[in-house]
Amino acid sequence: MFPNFTRSALFVFAASGLFGLALAGTAEAQSVQSQCSTKYQAAKAANTLNGQSWRQFYSACAAELKTGAATTQQPAVAAPPPAAPPSTAAAPVEAPPPAAPKSRKTATAPAASATEAPVPTGPIVFPTGISPQYSTLTPHMQRLKTCDDQYKANKATNSNGGLKWTQKGGGYYSECNKKLKS
């Protein structure tokens, strides 16, 4: 059939052609991913993703690029699922009451912004200096243990000013540590 080619030469020729096609497919896939990544970053910066995740965006973008319709900046968003058929129940169902907070912190902590410092609700007593019993420790541990001793003593006399040991915006330890450092 092929007088000038041996079977092995024909096999090598066919294999190299298939290998070349595989490389072209890999390069094309990398190009699609690269192009979609660029589009995704642009859409993310412009805040036009409309809640799409990378996977959703990539799926639509890759399909769009493969069909040659890559003329838009962002792929079309999939249509929302169809609405549920109207209920035939006689009485409307009321919404359940709101759930109780799951953690103690949410239930008892006052709402405060991240930049807002806690407001003391009473007198606050801080130590005047480092306790001599901790003189052999590192400066950090000296302040920590001295503040801890004072905090525990203040609990008995209600002299922590409503501050917790640590809390968002600065608790008792944060304020005590600042005072002892200065």
N, C-alpha and C. Protein backbone atom coordinates (compact mmCIF):
# COMPACT_ATOMS: atom_id res chain seq x y z
N MET A 1 0.81 -1.19 0.00
CA MET A 1 0.00 0.00 0.00
C MET A 1 0.85 1.25 0.00
N PHE A 2 1.77 1.37 0.97
CA PHE A 2 2.71 2.48 0.98
C PHE A 2 4.09 1.91 0.73
N PRO A 3 4.52 1.89 -0.51
CA PRO A 3 5.77 1.20 -0.82
C PRO A 3 7.01 1.83 -0.20
N ASN A 4 7.05 3.15 -0.04
CA ASN A 4 8.26 3.80 0.46
C ASN A 4 8.32 3.87 2.00
N PHE A 5 7.23 3.56 2.68
CA PHE A 5 7.20 3.66 4.14
C PHE A 5 7.13 2.28 4.76
N THR A 6 7.84 2.09 5.82
CA THR A 6 7.69 0.86 6.60
C THR A 6 6.62 1.11 7.65
N ARG A 7 6.18 0.07 8.28
CA ARG A 7 5.13 0.23 9.28
C ARG A 7 5.58 1.11 10.43
N SER A 8 6.79 0.97 10.89
CA SER A 8 7.26 1.77 12.03
C SER A 8 7.35 3.24 11.66
N ALA A 9 7.78 3.54 10.45
CA ALA A 9 7.85 4.93 10.02
C ALA A 9 6.44 5.52 9.94
N LEU A 10 5.49 4.75 9.45
CA LEU A 10 4.11 5.21 9.36
C LEU A 10 3.54 5.45 10.76
N PHE A 11 3.87 4.55 11.68
CA PHE A 11 3.40 4.70 13.06
C PHE A 11 3.97 5.97 13.69
N VAL A 12 5.26 6.24 13.50
CA VAL A 12 5.91 7.42 14.06
C VAL A 12 5.28 8.68 13.46
N PHE A 13 5.01 8.67 12.19
CA PHE A 13 4.40 9.81 11.52
C PHE A 13 3.01 10.09 12.10
N ALA A 14 2.21 9.04 12.25
CA ALA A 14 0.85 9.20 12.78
C ALA A 14 0.89 9.65 14.24
N ALA A 15 1.80 9.07 15.03
CA ALA A 15 1.90 9.43 16.45
C ALA A 15 2.33 10.88 16.61
N SER A 16 3.26 11.33 15.79
CA SER A 16 3.71 12.72 15.90
C SER A 16 2.59 13.68 15.53
N GLY A 17 1.77 13.31 14.58
CA GLY A 17 0.63 14.16 14.21
C GLY A 17 -0.37 14.25 15.36
N LEU A 18 -0.65 13.11 16.00
CA LEU A 18 -1.57 13.13 17.14
C LEU A 18 -0.99 13.92 18.31
N PHE A 19 0.32 13.77 18.55
CA PHE A 19 0.98 14.51 19.61
C PHE A 19 0.91 16.01 19.34
N GLY A 20 1.10 16.41 18.10
CA GLY A 20 0.99 17.82 17.71
C GLY A 20 -0.41 18.35 17.95
N LEU A 21 -1.42 17.55 17.63
CA LEU A 21 -2.79 17.97 17.88
C LEU A 21 -3.06 18.10 19.37
N ALA A 22 -2.50 17.19 20.16
CA ALA A 22 -2.69 17.26 21.60
C ALA A 22 -2.05 18.52 22.17
N LEU A 23 -0.87 18.87 21.68
CA LEU A 23 -0.21 20.09 22.14
C LEU A 23 -1.01 21.31 21.75
N ALA A 24 -1.56 21.31 20.55
CA ALA A 24 -2.36 22.45 20.11
C ALA A 24 -3.59 22.58 20.99
N GLY A 25 -4.19 21.46 21.37
CA GLY A 25 -5.35 21.49 22.24
C GLY A 25 -5.00 22.03 23.62
N THR A 26 -3.83 21.65 24.14
CA THR A 26 -3.38 22.14 25.44
C THR A 26 -3.12 23.63 25.38
N ALA A 27 -2.47 24.09 24.32
CA ALA A 27 -2.19 25.52 24.18
C ALA A 27 -3.49 26.30 24.07
N GLU A 28 -4.45 25.73 23.34
CA GLU A 28 -5.74 26.40 23.19
C GLU A 28 -6.46 26.48 24.54
N ALA A 29 -6.40 25.40 25.32
CA ALA A 29 -7.04 25.39 26.63
C ALA A 29 -6.40 26.42 27.55
N GLN A 30 -5.06 26.52 27.51
CA GLN A 30 -4.38 27.51 28.33
C GLN A 30 -4.76 28.91 27.89
N SER A 31 -4.91 29.11 26.60
CA SER A 31 -5.29 30.41 26.09
C SER A 31 -6.69 30.78 26.55
N VAL A 32 -7.62 29.81 26.51
CA VAL A 32 -9.00 30.06 26.94
C VAL A 32 -8.99 30.40 28.43
N GLN A 33 -8.25 29.63 29.22
CA GLN A 33 -8.20 29.89 30.66
C GLN A 33 -7.58 31.26 30.93
N SER A 34 -6.54 31.59 30.22
CA SER A 34 -5.88 32.88 30.39
C SER A 34 -6.83 34.03 30.02
N GLN A 35 -7.52 33.88 28.89
CA GLN A 35 -8.45 34.92 28.47
C GLN A 35 -9.60 35.07 29.46
N CYS A 36 -10.14 33.95 29.91
CA CYS A 36 -11.24 34.00 30.87
C CYS A 36 -10.78 34.59 32.20
N SER A 37 -9.55 34.27 32.60
CA SER A 37 -9.01 34.83 33.83
C SER A 37 -8.91 36.34 33.74
N THR A 38 -8.43 36.83 32.60
CA THR A 38 -8.33 38.27 32.40
C THR A 38 -9.71 38.92 32.46
N LYS A 39 -10.69 38.30 31.78
CA LYS A 39 -12.05 38.83 31.79
C LYS A 39 -12.64 38.80 33.20
N TYR A 40 -12.37 37.72 33.94
CA TYR A 40 -12.90 37.58 35.29
C TYR A 40 -12.34 38.69 36.20
N GLN A 41 -11.03 38.92 36.11
CA GLN A 41 -10.41 39.96 36.94
C GLN A 41 -10.99 41.34 36.59
N ALA A 42 -11.23 41.59 35.29
CA ALA A 42 -11.81 42.87 34.89
C ALA A 42 -13.24 43.01 35.41
N ALA A 43 -14.02 41.94 35.30
CA ALA A 43 -15.40 41.97 35.79
C ALA A 43 -15.42 42.12 37.31
N LYS A 44 -14.47 41.49 37.98
CA LYS A 44 -14.39 41.59 39.43
C LYS A 44 -14.05 43.02 39.85
N ALA A 45 -13.11 43.64 39.14
CA ALA A 45 -12.72 45.01 39.44
C ALA A 45 -13.87 45.99 39.17
N ALA A 46 -14.65 45.70 38.13
CA ALA A 46 -15.78 46.57 37.78
C ALA A 46 -17.03 46.23 38.58
N ASN A 47 -16.94 45.21 39.42
CA ASN A 47 -18.06 44.76 40.26
C ASN A 47 -19.28 44.39 39.42
N THR A 48 -19.04 43.65 38.34
CA THR A 48 -20.13 43.24 37.46
C THR A 48 -20.28 41.72 37.39
N LEU A 49 -19.81 41.01 38.40
CA LEU A 49 -19.92 39.55 38.40
C LEU A 49 -21.33 39.07 38.73
N ASN A 50 -22.13 39.89 39.34
CA ASN A 50 -23.50 39.54 39.71
C ASN A 50 -23.57 38.24 40.52
N GLY A 51 -22.64 38.08 41.43
CA GLY A 51 -22.66 36.91 42.31
C GLY A 51 -22.10 35.63 41.71
N GLN A 52 -21.53 35.71 40.52
CA GLN A 52 -20.98 34.50 39.89
C GLN A 52 -19.67 34.11 40.55
N SER A 53 -19.47 32.82 40.75
CA SER A 53 -18.19 32.32 41.24
C SER A 53 -17.26 32.16 40.03
N TRP A 54 -15.98 31.87 40.30
CA TRP A 54 -15.02 31.68 39.21
C TRP A 54 -15.45 30.52 38.32
N ARG A 55 -15.91 29.43 38.93
CA ARG A 55 -16.31 28.26 38.14
C ARG A 55 -17.47 28.59 37.21
N GLN A 56 -18.46 29.31 37.72
CA GLN A 56 -19.60 29.67 36.89
C GLN A 56 -19.15 30.59 35.76
N PHE A 57 -18.34 31.59 36.11
CA PHE A 57 -17.86 32.54 35.12
C PHE A 57 -17.03 31.84 34.04
N TYR A 58 -16.11 30.95 34.50
CA TYR A 58 -15.23 30.26 33.56
C TYR A 58 -16.03 29.36 32.62
N SER A 59 -17.01 28.67 33.16
CA SER A 59 -17.82 27.78 32.34
C SER A 59 -18.49 28.56 31.20
N ALA A 60 -19.11 29.68 31.54
CA ALA A 60 -19.79 30.48 30.52
C ALA A 60 -18.78 31.13 29.56
N CYS A 61 -17.66 31.60 30.11
CA CYS A 61 -16.65 32.26 29.28
C CYS A 61 -16.02 31.28 28.30
N ALA A 62 -15.68 30.08 28.77
CA ALA A 62 -15.05 29.08 27.90
C ALA A 62 -16.00 28.67 26.79
N ALA A 63 -17.27 28.50 27.12
CA ALA A 63 -18.25 28.14 26.09
C ALA A 63 -18.38 29.26 25.07
N GLU A 64 -18.35 30.48 25.55
CA GLU A 64 -18.46 31.64 24.67
C GLU A 64 -17.24 31.74 23.74
N LEU A 65 -16.04 31.53 24.29
CA LEU A 65 -14.84 31.62 23.48
C LEU A 65 -14.76 30.49 22.45
N LYS A 66 -15.22 29.31 22.83
CA LYS A 66 -15.16 28.17 21.91
C LYS A 66 -16.13 28.34 20.75
N THR A 67 -17.23 29.04 20.97
CA THR A 67 -18.19 29.26 19.88
C THR A 67 -17.80 30.48 19.04
N GLY A 68 -16.79 31.23 19.50
CA GLY A 68 -16.33 32.37 18.72
C GLY A 68 -17.13 33.63 18.98
N ALA A 69 -17.96 33.62 20.01
CA ALA A 69 -18.78 34.79 20.31
C ALA A 69 -18.16 35.61 21.43
N ALA A 70 -16.87 35.79 21.39
CA ALA A 70 -16.18 36.50 22.45
C ALA A 70 -16.17 38.00 22.20
N THR A 71 -17.29 38.57 21.91
CA THR A 71 -17.34 40.00 21.61
C THR A 71 -17.74 40.82 22.82
N THR A 72 -18.29 40.19 23.85
CA THR A 72 -18.71 40.94 25.03
C THR A 72 -17.66 40.87 26.11
N GLN A 73 -17.71 41.82 27.04
CA GLN A 73 -16.75 41.86 28.14
C GLN A 73 -17.02 40.73 29.15
N GLN A 74 -18.30 40.38 29.33
CA GLN A 74 -18.65 39.35 30.31
C GLN A 74 -19.68 38.42 29.71
N PRO A 75 -19.59 37.12 30.00
CA PRO A 75 -20.59 36.20 29.48
C PRO A 75 -21.94 36.46 30.12
N ALA A 76 -22.97 36.06 29.40
CA ALA A 76 -24.32 36.27 29.89
C ALA A 76 -24.55 35.45 31.15
N VAL A 77 -25.31 36.01 32.06
CA VAL A 77 -25.63 35.34 33.31
C VAL A 77 -26.77 34.36 33.04
N ALA A 78 -26.66 33.19 33.61
CA ALA A 78 -27.68 32.18 33.40
C ALA A 78 -29.01 32.67 33.97
N ALA A 79 -30.09 32.30 33.32
CA ALA A 79 -31.41 32.72 33.76
C ALA A 79 -31.73 32.08 35.10
N PRO A 80 -32.45 32.80 35.98
CA PRO A 80 -32.78 32.22 37.27
C PRO A 80 -33.74 31.06 37.08
N PRO A 81 -33.76 30.13 38.04
CA PRO A 81 -34.65 28.99 37.91
C PRO A 81 -36.10 29.45 37.92
N PRO A 82 -36.99 28.70 37.26
CA PRO A 82 -38.38 29.12 37.20
C PRO A 82 -38.99 29.13 38.60
N ALA A 83 -39.96 30.02 38.78
CA ALA A 83 -40.61 30.16 40.07
C ALA A 83 -41.45 28.92 40.37
N ALA A 84 -41.61 28.61 41.63
CA ALA A 84 -42.40 27.46 42.04
C ALA A 84 -43.88 27.73 41.73
N PRO A 85 -44.63 26.71 41.39
CA PRO A 85 -46.04 26.93 41.10
C PRO A 85 -46.76 27.40 42.36
N PRO A 86 -47.85 28.19 42.18
CA PRO A 86 -48.55 28.71 43.36
C PRO A 86 -49.12 27.57 44.20
N SER A 87 -49.12 27.80 45.50
CA SER A 87 -49.59 26.80 46.45
C SER A 87 -51.11 26.75 46.44
N THR A 88 -51.67 25.58 46.65
CA THR A 88 -53.12 25.43 46.70
C THR A 88 -53.62 25.35 48.13
N ALA A 89 -52.77 25.63 49.10
CA ALA A 89 -53.16 25.57 50.50
C ALA A 89 -54.17 26.68 50.80
N ALA A 90 -55.07 26.43 51.73
CA ALA A 90 -56.11 27.39 52.06
C ALA A 90 -55.56 28.56 52.88
N ALA A 91 -54.70 28.30 53.84
CA ALA A 91 -54.19 29.37 54.70
C ALA A 91 -52.71 29.58 54.41
N PRO A 92 -52.26 30.84 54.42
CA PRO A 92 -50.83 31.09 54.20
C PRO A 92 -50.02 30.61 55.40
N VAL A 93 -48.82 30.17 55.13
CA VAL A 93 -47.93 29.68 56.17
C VAL A 93 -47.12 30.85 56.70
N GLU A 94 -47.10 31.00 58.03
CA GLU A 94 -46.35 32.09 58.63
C GLU A 94 -44.87 31.72 58.71
N ALA A 95 -44.02 32.73 58.65
CA ALA A 95 -42.58 32.51 58.77
C ALA A 95 -42.25 32.13 60.20
N PRO A 96 -41.27 31.26 60.40
CA PRO A 96 -40.90 30.89 61.77
C PRO A 96 -40.28 32.08 62.48
N PRO A 97 -40.37 32.12 63.81
CA PRO A 97 -39.77 33.23 64.55
C PRO A 97 -38.26 33.19 64.39
N PRO A 98 -37.60 34.34 64.53
CA PRO A 98 -36.14 34.35 64.38
C PRO A 98 -35.49 33.46 65.43
N ALA A 99 -34.42 32.81 65.02
CA ALA A 99 -33.71 31.88 65.90
C ALA A 99 -32.94 32.64 66.96
N ALA A 100 -32.76 32.03 68.09
CA ALA A 100 -31.98 32.63 69.17
C ALA A 100 -30.51 32.60 68.78
N PRO A 101 -29.71 33.54 69.29
CA PRO A 101 -28.29 33.55 68.96
C PRO A 101 -27.64 32.23 69.37
N LYS A 102 -26.68 31.79 68.56
CA LYS A 102 -26.04 30.49 68.80
C LYS A 102 -24.89 30.57 69.79
N SER A 103 -24.33 31.74 69.99
CA SER A 103 -23.22 31.81 70.92
C SER A 103 -23.53 32.80 72.03
N ARG A 104 -22.89 32.60 73.15
CA ARG A 104 -23.08 33.49 74.28
C ARG A 104 -22.60 34.89 73.96
N LYS A 105 -21.53 34.97 73.19
CA LYS A 105 -20.96 36.28 72.87
C LYS A 105 -21.96 37.15 72.13
N THR A 106 -22.67 36.58 71.17
CA THR A 106 -23.64 37.36 70.40
C THR A 106 -24.80 37.79 71.27
N ALA A 107 -25.17 36.95 72.22
CA ALA A 107 -26.33 37.27 73.05
C ALA A 107 -26.01 38.36 74.08
N THR A 108 -24.77 38.42 74.58
CA THR A 108 -24.47 39.35 75.67
C THR A 108 -23.61 40.53 75.26
N ALA A 109 -22.91 40.44 74.14
CA ALA A 109 -22.00 41.51 73.76
C ALA A 109 -22.77 42.67 73.15
N PRO A 110 -22.47 43.90 73.57
CA PRO A 110 -23.12 45.05 72.94
C PRO A 110 -22.56 45.25 71.54
N ALA A 111 -23.36 45.81 70.66
CA ALA A 111 -22.92 46.05 69.29
C ALA A 111 -21.97 47.23 69.29
N ALA A 112 -20.74 47.01 68.81
CA ALA A 112 -19.75 48.07 68.73
C ALA A 112 -19.00 47.91 67.43
N SER A 113 -18.66 49.04 66.82
CA SER A 113 -17.93 48.96 65.56
C SER A 113 -16.48 48.61 65.86
N ALA A 114 -15.75 48.18 64.82
CA ALA A 114 -14.37 47.73 65.00
C ALA A 114 -13.46 48.87 65.43
N THR A 115 -13.78 50.12 65.08
CA THR A 115 -12.92 51.23 65.43
C THR A 115 -13.34 51.90 66.73
N GLU A 116 -14.47 51.52 67.27
CA GLU A 116 -15.01 52.14 68.45
C GLU A 116 -14.48 51.44 69.70
N ALA A 117 -13.90 52.20 70.62
CA ALA A 117 -13.38 51.63 71.86
C ALA A 117 -14.54 51.39 72.82
N PRO A 118 -14.43 50.38 73.69
CA PRO A 118 -15.49 50.13 74.66
C PRO A 118 -15.60 51.30 75.65
N VAL A 119 -16.80 51.59 76.07
CA VAL A 119 -17.03 52.69 77.00
C VAL A 119 -17.15 52.12 78.40
N PRO A 120 -16.29 52.58 79.32
CA PRO A 120 -16.36 52.08 80.70
C PRO A 120 -17.68 52.51 81.34
N THR A 121 -18.23 51.63 82.17
CA THR A 121 -19.50 51.93 82.82
C THR A 121 -19.35 52.18 84.31
N GLY A 122 -18.15 52.31 84.78
CA GLY A 122 -17.91 52.56 86.20
C GLY A 122 -16.45 52.84 86.43
N PRO A 123 -16.03 52.88 87.71
CA PRO A 123 -14.63 53.17 88.00
C PRO A 123 -13.73 52.01 87.57
N ILE A 124 -12.54 52.36 87.08
CA ILE A 124 -11.57 51.35 86.66
C ILE A 124 -10.31 51.55 87.49
N VAL A 125 -9.82 50.49 88.09
CA VAL A 125 -8.60 50.54 88.88
C VAL A 125 -7.53 49.76 88.13
N PHE A 126 -6.40 50.46 87.85
CA PHE A 126 -5.27 49.82 87.19
C PHE A 126 -4.11 49.75 88.19
N PRO A 127 -3.20 48.80 88.01
CA PRO A 127 -2.02 48.75 88.89
C PRO A 127 -1.11 49.95 88.61
N THR A 128 -0.41 50.42 89.65
CA THR A 128 0.47 51.58 89.49
C THR A 128 1.84 51.20 88.98
N GLY A 129 2.23 49.94 89.10
CA GLY A 129 3.52 49.48 88.63
C GLY A 129 3.55 47.97 88.57
N ILE A 130 4.68 47.46 88.08
CA ILE A 130 4.86 46.01 87.97
C ILE A 130 4.99 45.41 89.36
N SER A 131 4.32 44.32 89.58
CA SER A 131 4.40 43.62 90.87
C SER A 131 5.80 43.02 91.03
N PRO A 132 6.45 43.24 92.20
CA PRO A 132 7.82 42.74 92.40
C PRO A 132 7.94 41.22 92.32
N GLN A 133 6.88 40.50 92.58
CA GLN A 133 6.97 39.03 92.54
C GLN A 133 7.21 38.49 91.14
N TYR A 134 6.99 39.32 90.11
CA TYR A 134 7.19 38.87 88.73
C TYR A 134 8.47 39.46 88.11
N SER A 135 9.39 39.93 88.92
CA SER A 135 10.59 40.61 88.40
C SER A 135 11.51 39.69 87.60
N THR A 136 11.40 38.39 87.77
CA THR A 136 12.28 37.46 87.04
C THR A 136 11.74 37.10 85.66
N LEU A 137 10.52 37.50 85.35
CA LEU A 137 9.91 37.16 84.06
C LEU A 137 10.25 38.20 83.00
N THR A 138 9.89 37.90 81.76
CA THR A 138 10.09 38.86 80.67
C THR A 138 9.16 40.05 80.88
N PRO A 139 9.48 41.21 80.33
CA PRO A 139 8.63 42.40 80.53
C PRO A 139 7.17 42.16 80.13
N HIS A 140 6.96 41.44 79.05
CA HIS A 140 5.58 41.16 78.61
C HIS A 140 4.84 40.35 79.67
N MET A 141 5.48 39.30 80.17
CA MET A 141 4.83 38.45 81.17
C MET A 141 4.66 39.19 82.50
N GLN A 142 5.57 40.09 82.83
CA GLN A 142 5.43 40.90 84.04
C GLN A 142 4.14 41.72 83.97
N ARG A 143 3.95 42.40 82.83
CA ARG A 143 2.75 43.22 82.66
C ARG A 143 1.49 42.35 82.65
N LEU A 144 1.54 41.22 81.95
CA LEU A 144 0.38 40.34 81.86
C LEU A 144 -0.06 39.84 83.23
N LYS A 145 0.87 39.33 84.00
CA LYS A 145 0.52 38.76 85.30
C LYS A 145 0.10 39.84 86.29
N THR A 146 0.75 41.00 86.24
CA THR A 146 0.36 42.10 87.13
C THR A 146 -1.06 42.57 86.80
N CYS A 147 -1.37 42.73 85.52
CA CYS A 147 -2.71 43.14 85.11
C CYS A 147 -3.74 42.08 85.47
N ASP A 148 -3.37 40.81 85.33
CA ASP A 148 -4.30 39.72 85.66
C ASP A 148 -4.64 39.73 87.15
N ASP A 149 -3.63 39.92 87.99
CA ASP A 149 -3.88 39.98 89.43
C ASP A 149 -4.82 41.12 89.78
N GLN A 150 -4.58 42.29 89.18
CA GLN A 150 -5.42 43.46 89.46
C GLN A 150 -6.83 43.25 88.95
N TYR A 151 -6.97 42.64 87.76
CA TYR A 151 -8.29 42.38 87.18
C TYR A 151 -9.11 41.48 88.10
N LYS A 152 -8.47 40.42 88.62
CA LYS A 152 -9.17 39.50 89.53
C LYS A 152 -9.55 40.19 90.83
N ALA A 153 -8.67 41.06 91.35
CA ALA A 153 -8.99 41.81 92.57
C ALA A 153 -10.13 42.79 92.31
N ASN A 154 -10.16 43.38 91.10
CA ASN A 154 -11.21 44.34 90.76
C ASN A 154 -12.57 43.67 90.62
N LYS A 155 -12.59 42.39 90.24
CA LYS A 155 -13.86 41.68 90.10
C LYS A 155 -14.61 41.66 91.43
N ALA A 156 -13.88 41.49 92.51
CA ALA A 156 -14.50 41.42 93.83
C ALA A 156 -15.10 42.76 94.23
N THR A 157 -14.51 43.87 93.80
CA THR A 157 -14.99 45.20 94.18
C THR A 157 -15.72 45.90 93.04
N ASN A 158 -15.97 45.20 91.95
CA ASN A 158 -16.65 45.76 90.77
C ASN A 158 -15.94 47.02 90.28
N SER A 159 -14.62 46.93 90.12
CA SER A 159 -13.82 48.09 89.71
C SER A 159 -13.19 47.91 88.33
N ASN A 160 -13.76 47.07 87.49
CA ASN A 160 -13.23 46.90 86.14
C ASN A 160 -13.94 47.80 85.13
N GLY A 161 -14.87 48.59 85.58
CA GLY A 161 -15.55 49.53 84.70
C GLY A 161 -16.38 48.87 83.62
N GLY A 162 -16.81 47.65 83.85
CA GLY A 162 -17.61 46.94 82.85
C GLY A 162 -16.78 46.33 81.73
N LEU A 163 -15.45 46.46 81.80
CA LEU A 163 -14.59 45.90 80.76
C LEU A 163 -14.35 44.43 81.01
N LYS A 164 -14.30 43.67 79.93
CA LYS A 164 -13.91 42.27 80.01
C LYS A 164 -12.40 42.20 79.87
N TRP A 165 -11.81 41.05 80.15
CA TRP A 165 -10.35 40.90 80.06
C TRP A 165 -9.88 41.29 78.67
N THR A 166 -10.45 40.67 77.65
CA THR A 166 -10.18 41.07 76.26
C THR A 166 -11.51 41.22 75.56
N GLN A 167 -11.61 42.21 74.74
CA GLN A 167 -12.81 42.42 73.93
C GLN A 167 -12.46 43.28 72.75
N LYS A 168 -13.34 43.28 71.77
CA LYS A 168 -13.11 44.04 70.55
C LYS A 168 -13.00 45.53 70.89
N GLY A 169 -11.99 46.17 70.36
CA GLY A 169 -11.80 47.58 70.61
C GLY A 169 -10.92 47.86 71.82
N GLY A 170 -10.55 46.85 72.58
CA GLY A 170 -9.66 47.01 73.73
C GLY A 170 -10.35 46.71 75.03
N GLY A 171 -9.93 45.68 75.70
CA GLY A 171 -10.49 45.30 76.98
C GLY A 171 -9.60 45.78 78.11
N TYR A 172 -9.82 45.21 79.29
CA TYR A 172 -9.07 45.61 80.47
C TYR A 172 -7.57 45.39 80.26
N TYR A 173 -7.19 44.22 79.74
CA TYR A 173 -5.76 43.94 79.57
C TYR A 173 -5.11 44.94 78.63
N SER A 174 -5.77 45.28 77.55
CA SER A 174 -5.21 46.22 76.59
C SER A 174 -4.92 47.58 77.25
N GLU A 175 -5.90 48.07 78.01
CA GLU A 175 -5.73 49.36 78.67
C GLU A 175 -4.67 49.30 79.78
N CYS A 176 -4.69 48.22 80.55
CA CYS A 176 -3.72 48.04 81.62
C CYS A 176 -2.30 47.95 81.06
N ASN A 177 -2.13 47.21 79.98
CA ASN A 177 -0.84 47.05 79.35
C ASN A 177 -0.30 48.40 78.88
N LYS A 178 -1.18 49.23 78.29
CA LYS A 178 -0.76 50.57 77.84
C LYS A 178 -0.27 51.40 79.02
N LYS A 179 -1.00 51.33 80.13
CA LYS A 179 -0.64 52.14 81.33
C LYS A 179 0.70 51.68 81.90
N LEU A 180 0.93 50.36 81.94
CA LEU A 180 2.18 49.88 82.50
C LEU A 180 3.37 50.13 81.57
N LYS A 181 3.14 50.20 80.28
CA LYS A 181 4.23 50.48 79.34
C LYS A 181 4.68 51.93 79.43
N SER A 182 3.75 52.84 79.75
CA SER A 182 4.10 54.28 79.78
C SER A 182 4.75 54.70 81.06
